[in-house]
C-alpha atoms as a PDB file:
ATOM      1  CA  UNK A   1      24.786   0.386   3.807  1.00  0.00           C
ATOM      2  CA  UNK A   2      24.444  -3.858   3.497  1.00  0.00           C
ATOM      3  CA  UNK A   3      21.215  -6.077   3.523  1.00  0.00           C
ATOM      4  CA  UNK A   4      21.456  -7.289   7.090  1.00  0.00           C
ATOM      5  CA  UNK A   5      21.711  -3.212   8.272  1.00  0.00           C
ATOM      6  CA  UNK A   6      18.868  -2.737   6.168  1.00  0.00           C
ATOM      7  CA  UNK A   7      16.923  -5.547   7.204  1.00  0.00           C
ATOM      8  CA  UNK A   8      17.431  -4.678  11.059  1.00  0.00           C
ATOM      9  CA  UNK A   9      16.564  -0.386  10.272  1.00  0.00           C
ATOM     10  CA  UNK A  10      13.536  -1.871   8.447  1.00  0.00           C
ATOM     11  CA  UNK A  11      12.443  -3.610  11.298  1.00  0.00           C
ATOM     12  CA  UNK A  12      12.918  -1.019  13.359  1.00  0.00           C
ATOM     13  CA  UNK A  13      10.601   1.567  11.814  1.00  0.00           C
ATOM     14  CA  UNK A  14       7.873  -1.428  10.822  1.00  0.00           C
ATOM     15  CA  UNK A  15       6.065  -3.021  13.673  1.00  0.00           C
ATOM     16  CA  UNK A  16       3.513  -4.685  11.700  1.00  0.00           C
ATOM     17  CA  UNK A  17       4.176  -8.190  10.644  1.00  0.00           C
ATOM     18  CA  UNK A  18       2.380  -8.165   7.181  1.00  0.00           C
ATOM     19  CA  UNK A  19       3.755  -4.806   6.031  1.00  0.00           C
ATOM     20  CA  UNK A  20       7.647  -6.332   6.702  1.00  0.00           C
ATOM     21  CA  UNK A  21       6.618  -9.422   4.905  1.00  0.00           C
ATOM     22  CA  UNK A  22       5.218  -7.339   2.241  1.00  0.00           C
ATOM     23  CA  UNK A  23       8.650  -5.461   1.755  1.00  0.00           C
ATOM     24  CA  UNK A  24      10.656  -9.096   1.893  1.00  0.00           C
ATOM     25  CA  UNK A  25       8.407  -9.975  -1.128  1.00  0.00           C
ATOM     26  CA  UNK A  26       9.084  -6.398  -2.567  1.00  0.00           C
ATOM     27  CA  UNK A  27      13.041  -6.802  -1.945  1.00  0.00           C
ATOM     28  CA  UNK A  28      12.776 -10.520  -3.708  1.00  0.00           C
ATOM     29  CA  UNK A  29      11.051  -9.210  -6.702  1.00  0.00           C
ATOM     30  CA  UNK A  30      13.282  -6.056  -7.502  1.00  0.00           C
ATOM     31  CA  UNK A  31      16.310  -8.781  -7.127  1.00  0.00           C
ATOM     32  CA  UNK A  32      14.893 -10.708  -9.304  1.00  0.00           C
ATOM     33  CA  UNK A  33      14.518  -7.914 -11.689  1.00  0.00           C
ATOM     34  CA  UNK A  34      17.560  -6.603 -10.995  1.00  0.00           C
ATOM     35  CA  UNK A  35      18.865 -10.321 -12.521  1.00  0.00           C
ATOM     36  CA  UNK A  36      16.683 -10.276 -15.626  1.00  0.00           C
ATOM     37  CA  UNK A  37      17.893  -6.753 -16.587  1.00  0.00           C
ATOM     38  CA  UNK A  38      21.593  -7.410 -15.493  1.00  0.00           C
ATOM     39  CA  UNK A  39      21.604  -4.547 -12.629  1.00  0.00           C
ATOM     40  CA  UNK A  40      22.779  -4.071  -9.521  1.00  0.00           C
ATOM     41  CA  UNK A  41      21.085  -6.742  -7.534  1.00  0.00           C
ATOM     42  CA  UNK A  42      21.992  -5.374  -3.978  1.00  0.00           C
ATOM     43  CA  UNK A  43      21.112  -2.030  -5.050  1.00  0.00           C
ATOM     44  CA  UNK A  44      17.771  -2.483  -6.143  1.00  0.00           C
ATOM     45  CA  UNK A  45      16.954  -5.109  -3.663  1.00  0.00           C
ATOM     46  CA  UNK A  46      17.875  -2.643  -0.710  1.00  0.00           C
ATOM     47  CA  UNK A  47      14.824   0.145  -2.284  1.00  0.00           C
ATOM     48  CA  UNK A  48      12.559  -3.214  -2.639  1.00  0.00           C
ATOM     49  CA  UNK A  49      13.203  -3.491   1.096  1.00  0.00           C
ATOM     50  CA  UNK A  50      13.230  -0.288   2.043  1.00  0.00           C
ATOM     51  CA  UNK A  51      10.404   1.267  -0.157  1.00  0.00           C
ATOM     52  CA  UNK A  52       8.062   1.652   2.793  1.00  0.00           C
ATOM     53  CA  UNK A  53      10.231   2.497   5.641  1.00  0.00           C
ATOM     54  CA  UNK A  54       8.352   5.195   6.634  1.00  0.00           C
ATOM     55  CA  UNK A  55       4.943   3.664   6.942  1.00  0.00           C
ATOM     56  CA  UNK A  56       4.079   3.436  10.411  1.00  0.00           C
ATOM     57  CA  UNK A  57       4.856   6.735  10.611  1.00  0.00           C
ATOM     58  CA  UNK A  58       2.777   7.888   7.717  1.00  0.00           C
ATOM     59  CA  UNK A  59       0.193   5.679   7.446  1.00  0.00           C
ATOM     60  CA  UNK A  60      -2.475   8.180   8.480  1.00  0.00           C
ATOM     61  CA  UNK A  61      -1.407  10.919   5.958  1.00  0.00           C
ATOM     62  CA  UNK A  62      -0.429   9.276   2.630  1.00  0.00           C
ATOM     63  CA  UNK A  63       0.734  12.538   0.850  1.00  0.00           C
ATOM     64  CA  UNK A  64       3.893  12.408   3.301  1.00  0.00           C
ATOM     65  CA  UNK A  65       4.486   8.423   2.491  1.00  0.00           C
ATOM     66  CA  UNK A  66       7.782   7.852   0.496  1.00  0.00           C
ATOM     67  CA  UNK A  67       8.610  11.455   1.673  1.00  0.00           C
ATOM     68  CA  UNK A  68       9.568  10.985   4.665  1.00  0.00           C
ATOM     69  CA  UNK A  69      11.101   7.612   3.714  1.00  0.00           C
ATOM     70  CA  UNK A  70      13.062   9.170   0.878  1.00  0.00           C
ATOM     71  CA  UNK A  71      14.590  11.914   3.608  1.00  0.00           C
ATOM     72  CA  UNK A  72      15.061   9.013   6.428  1.00  0.00           C
ATOM     73  CA  UNK A  73      17.282   6.755   3.578  1.00  0.00           C
ATOM     74  CA  UNK A  74      18.755  10.384   2.497  1.00  0.00           C
ATOM     75  CA  UNK A  75      20.176  11.007   6.101  1.00  0.00           C
ATOM     76  CA  UNK A  76      21.688   7.808   6.313  1.00  0.00           C
ATOM     77  CA  UNK A  77      23.490   8.028   3.528  1.00  0.00           C
ATOM     78  CA  UNK A  78      21.904   5.660   0.974  1.00  0.00           C
ATOM     79  CA  UNK A  79      22.308   5.998  -2.925  1.00  0.00           C
ATOM     80  CA  UNK A  80      20.650   9.085  -4.594  1.00  0.00           C
ATOM     81  CA  UNK A  81      19.036   6.524  -7.044  1.00  0.00           C
ATOM     82  CA  UNK A  82      17.629   4.516  -4.344  1.00  0.00           C
ATOM     83  CA  UNK A  83      16.134   7.330  -2.299  1.00  0.00           C
ATOM     84  CA  UNK A  84      14.892   8.911  -5.622  1.00  0.00           C
ATOM     85  CA  UNK A  85      13.289   5.370  -6.380  1.00  0.00           C
ATOM     86  CA  UNK A  86      11.738   4.734  -2.856  1.00  0.00           C
ATOM     87  CA  UNK A  87      10.262   8.524  -3.267  1.00  0.00           C
ATOM     88  CA  UNK A  88       8.655   7.998  -6.462  1.00  0.00           C
ATOM     89  CA  UNK A  89       6.848   4.805  -5.896  1.00  0.00           C
ATOM     90  CA  UNK A  90       3.828   6.800  -3.976  1.00  0.00           C
ATOM     91  CA  UNK A  91       2.394   8.169  -7.416  1.00  0.00           C
ATOM     92  CA  UNK A  92       0.880  10.901  -5.300  1.00  0.00           C
ATOM     93  CA  UNK A  93       3.396  13.018  -5.518  1.00  0.00           C
ATOM     94  CA  UNK A  94       3.261  13.456  -9.161  1.00  0.00           C
ATOM     95  CA  UNK A  95       7.425  12.699  -9.730  1.00  0.00           C
ATOM     96  CA  UNK A  96       8.993  10.933 -12.924  1.00  0.00           C
ATOM     97  CA  UNK A  97      10.022   7.644 -12.931  1.00  0.00           C
ATOM     98  CA  UNK A  98      12.983   8.213 -14.359  1.00  0.00           C
ATOM     99  CA  UNK A  99      15.393   5.177 -13.827  1.00  0.00           C
ATOM    100  CA  UNK A 100      14.215   1.444 -14.405  1.00  0.00           C
ATOM    101  CA  UNK A 101      14.720   0.741 -11.176  1.00  0.00           C
ATOM    102  CA  UNK A 102      12.164   3.356 -10.854  1.00  0.00           C
ATOM    103  CA  UNK A 103       9.522   1.918 -12.835  1.00  0.00           C
ATOM    104  CA  UNK A 104      10.323  -1.796 -11.828  1.00  0.00           C
ATOM    105  CA  UNK A 105       9.561  -0.707  -7.625  1.00  0.00           C
ATOM    106  CA  UNK A 106       6.514   1.377  -8.822  1.00  0.00           C
ATOM    107  CA  UNK A 107       4.896  -1.515 -10.751  1.00  0.00           C
ATOM    108  CA  UNK A 108       6.697  -4.365  -8.437  1.00  0.00           C
ATOM    109  CA  UNK A 109       4.718  -2.714  -5.293  1.00  0.00           C
ATOM    110  CA  UNK A 110       0.986  -3.642  -5.641  1.00  0.00           C
ATOM    111  CA  UNK A 111       2.188  -6.631  -7.763  1.00  0.00           C
ATOM    112  CA  UNK A 112       2.995  -8.448  -4.827  1.00  0.00           C
ATOM    113  CA  UNK A 113      -0.082  -7.603  -3.015  1.00  0.00           C
ATOM    114  CA  UNK A 114      -1.869  -8.888  -5.877  1.00  0.00           C
ATOM    115  CA  UNK A 115       0.485 -12.475  -5.880  1.00  0.00           C
ATOM    116  CA  UNK A 116      -0.108 -12.724  -1.745  1.00  0.00           C
ATOM    117  CA  UNK A 117      -3.929 -12.578  -2.507  1.00  0.00           C
ATOM    118  CA  UNK A 118      -3.983 -14.976  -5.317  1.00  0.00           C
ATOM    119  CA  UNK A 119      -2.182 -17.508  -3.164  1.00  0.00           C
ATOM    120  CA  UNK A 120      -4.370 -16.945  -0.162  1.00  0.00           C
ATOM    121  CA  UNK A 121      -7.664 -17.690  -1.910  1.00  0.00           C
ATOM    122  CA  UNK A 122      -6.289 -21.380  -2.603  1.00  0.00           C
ATOM    123  CA  UNK A 123      -6.978 -23.907   0.047  1.00  0.00           C
ATOM    124  CA  UNK A 124      -3.448 -24.677   0.493  1.00  0.00           C
ATOM    125  CA  UNK A 125      -2.411 -21.051   0.884  1.00  0.00           C
ATOM    126  CA  UNK A 126       0.960 -21.346  -0.506  1.00  0.00           C
ATOM    127  CA  UNK A 127       2.583 -19.462  -3.628  1.00  0.00           C
ATOM    128  CA  UNK A 128       3.488 -23.071  -4.989  1.00  0.00           C
ATOM    129  CA  UNK A 129      -0.307 -23.460  -5.609  1.00  0.00           C
ATOM    130  CA  UNK A 130      -0.741 -20.889  -8.218  1.00  0.00           C
ATOM    131  CA  UNK A 131       0.726 -20.050 -11.478  1.00  0.00           C
ATOM    132  CA  UNK A 132       0.891 -16.773 -14.152  1.00  0.00           C
ATOM    133  CA  UNK A 133      -2.851 -18.101 -15.774  1.00  0.00           C
ATOM    134  CA  UNK A 134      -4.353 -17.956 -12.765  1.00  0.00           C
ATOM    135  CA  UNK A 135      -3.206 -14.370 -11.606  1.00  0.00           C
ATOM    136  CA  UNK A 136      -3.962 -13.539 -14.851  1.00  0.00           C
ATOM    137  CA  UNK A 137      -7.291 -14.480 -14.676  1.00  0.00           C
ATOM    138  CA  UNK A 138      -7.755 -12.755 -11.419  1.00  0.00           C
ATOM    139  CA  UNK A 139      -6.359  -9.654 -12.239  1.00  0.00           C
ATOM    140  CA  UNK A 140      -9.142  -9.067 -14.789  1.00  0.00           C
ATOM    141  CA  UNK A 141     -11.522  -9.156 -11.659  1.00  0.00           C
ATOM    142  CA  UNK A 142     -12.022  -6.132 -10.479  1.00  0.00           C
ATOM    143  CA  UNK A 143     -13.322  -7.098  -7.052  1.00  0.00           C
ATOM    144  CA  UNK A 144     -10.157  -9.483  -6.389  1.00  0.00           C
ATOM    145  CA  UNK A 145      -7.113  -7.827  -4.712  1.00  0.00           C
ATOM    146  CA  UNK A 146      -9.100  -3.927  -4.592  1.00  0.00           C
ATOM    147  CA  UNK A 147      -5.601  -2.747  -3.172  1.00  0.00           C
ATOM    148  CA  UNK A 148      -3.414  -3.855  -5.635  1.00  0.00           C
ATOM    149  CA  UNK A 149      -3.863  -1.084  -8.463  1.00  0.00           C
ATOM    150  CA  UNK A 150      -4.363  -2.891 -11.958  1.00  0.00           C
ATOM    151  CA  UNK A 151      -2.930   0.225 -13.655  1.00  0.00           C
ATOM    152  CA  UNK A 152       0.082   0.577 -11.465  1.00  0.00           C
ATOM    153  CA  UNK A 153       1.187  -2.840 -12.263  1.00  0.00           C
ATOM    154  CA  UNK A 154       0.469  -3.006 -15.979  1.00  0.00           C
ATOM    155  CA  UNK A 155       2.987   0.400 -15.595  1.00  0.00           C
ATOM    156  CA  UNK A 156       5.545  -2.509 -15.626  1.00  0.00           C
ATOM    157  CA  UNK A 157       5.315  -1.747 -19.538  1.00  0.00           C
ATOM    158  CA  UNK A 158       7.669   1.176 -18.831  1.00  0.00           C
ATOM    159  CA  UNK A 159      10.521  -1.075 -18.378  1.00  0.00           C
ATOM    160  CA  UNK A 160       9.675  -3.442 -21.461  1.00  0.00           C
ATOM    161  CA  UNK A 161       8.173  -6.273 -19.832  1.00  0.00           C
ATOM    162  CA  UNK A 162       4.873  -7.590 -20.619  1.00  0.00           C
ATOM    163  CA  UNK A 163       2.368  -8.101 -17.849  1.00  0.00           C
ATOM    164  CA  UNK A 164       2.823 -11.812 -18.081  1.00  0.00           C
ATOM    165  CA  UNK A 165       6.579 -11.479 -17.734  1.00  0.00           C
ATOM    166  CA  UNK A 166       6.224  -9.374 -14.968  1.00  0.00           C
ATOM    167  CA  UNK A 167       4.323 -11.507 -12.884  1.00  0.00           C
ATOM    168  CA  UNK A 168       6.476 -14.701 -13.884  1.00  0.00           C
ATOM    169  CA  UNK A 169       9.511 -12.907 -12.925  1.00  0.00           C
ATOM    170  CA  UNK A 170       7.590 -11.893  -9.664  1.00  0.00           C
ATOM    171  CA  UNK A 171       5.885 -14.806  -8.930  1.00  0.00           C
ATOM    172  CA  UNK A 172       9.066 -16.654  -9.542  1.00  0.00           C
ATOM    173  CA  UNK A 173      11.141 -14.217  -7.061  1.00  0.00           C
ATOM    174  CA  UNK A 174       8.035 -14.817  -4.043  1.00  0.00           C
ATOM    175  CA  UNK A 175       8.297 -18.240  -4.631  1.00  0.00           C
ATOM    176  CA  UNK A 176      12.284 -18.388  -3.758  1.00  0.00           C
ATOM    177  CA  UNK A 177      11.177 -16.978  -0.383  1.00  0.00           C
ATOM    178  CA  UNK A 178       8.122 -18.741   0.414  1.00  0.00           C
ATOM    179  CA  UNK A 179       9.132 -20.052   3.536  1.00  0.00           C
ATOM    180  CA  UNK A 180       9.964 -16.428   4.861  1.00  0.00           C
ATOM    181  CA  UNK A 181       6.595 -15.398   3.928  1.00  0.00           C
ATOM    182  CA  UNK A 182       4.803 -18.347   5.132  1.00  0.00           C
ATOM    183  CA  UNK A 183       3.144 -18.717   2.225  1.00  0.00           C
END
C-alpha cells in the first residue's frame, strides 16, 4: 500500500477532521523519527498515518481500539511489523513494544496532542509560535493538555531519545506540515 492509498483508506474510515489531522501529525513525526534512526520512512509513515484507522468503530469501546485497526490492516496485507505497531500503541492491551517502530509510535501518539495544545494556547494559534523549552515547561503542568499522557510520552526513552530531543524532532516534523494541519 502506498501513501496515497493509505490516506484514502484513512479518510474512508475516519469522519472526524481533527482525528484525520492527528493521524497526519503522527505520520509526520514517525517519518521524521525514521529519518533520525535511519529506518524505513515510508513504512514508519504508514504506521503513523493508519494507527487510529479503527477509531470511529471503537471510540465507544476503547478495549477494542487498535485490535480492530490491526485486523483491518492485516486483512489488507500490510506488513506484520506495521500491524503489530498499530496493535501495541494502545497500552490497554499490555502487549510488549518490541521494535523501535513500536516504541516510537507509542510515544508519538500523545506527543502530537501536547504539541497541538501548545500551539492552540498561543495567541497566534500556530506551531511556529512554540519551541521545545515552551513545551517542556507546559509538560510539567498537570492541568495542561490532560489527554496527552505524560508517562506514555516519556516512554520515548525506550527509543534512546531524551524527552527534549524527542520533542524537538516531533515539533520540527509537525511544523513541516503546519499548513496541512492549519496550525
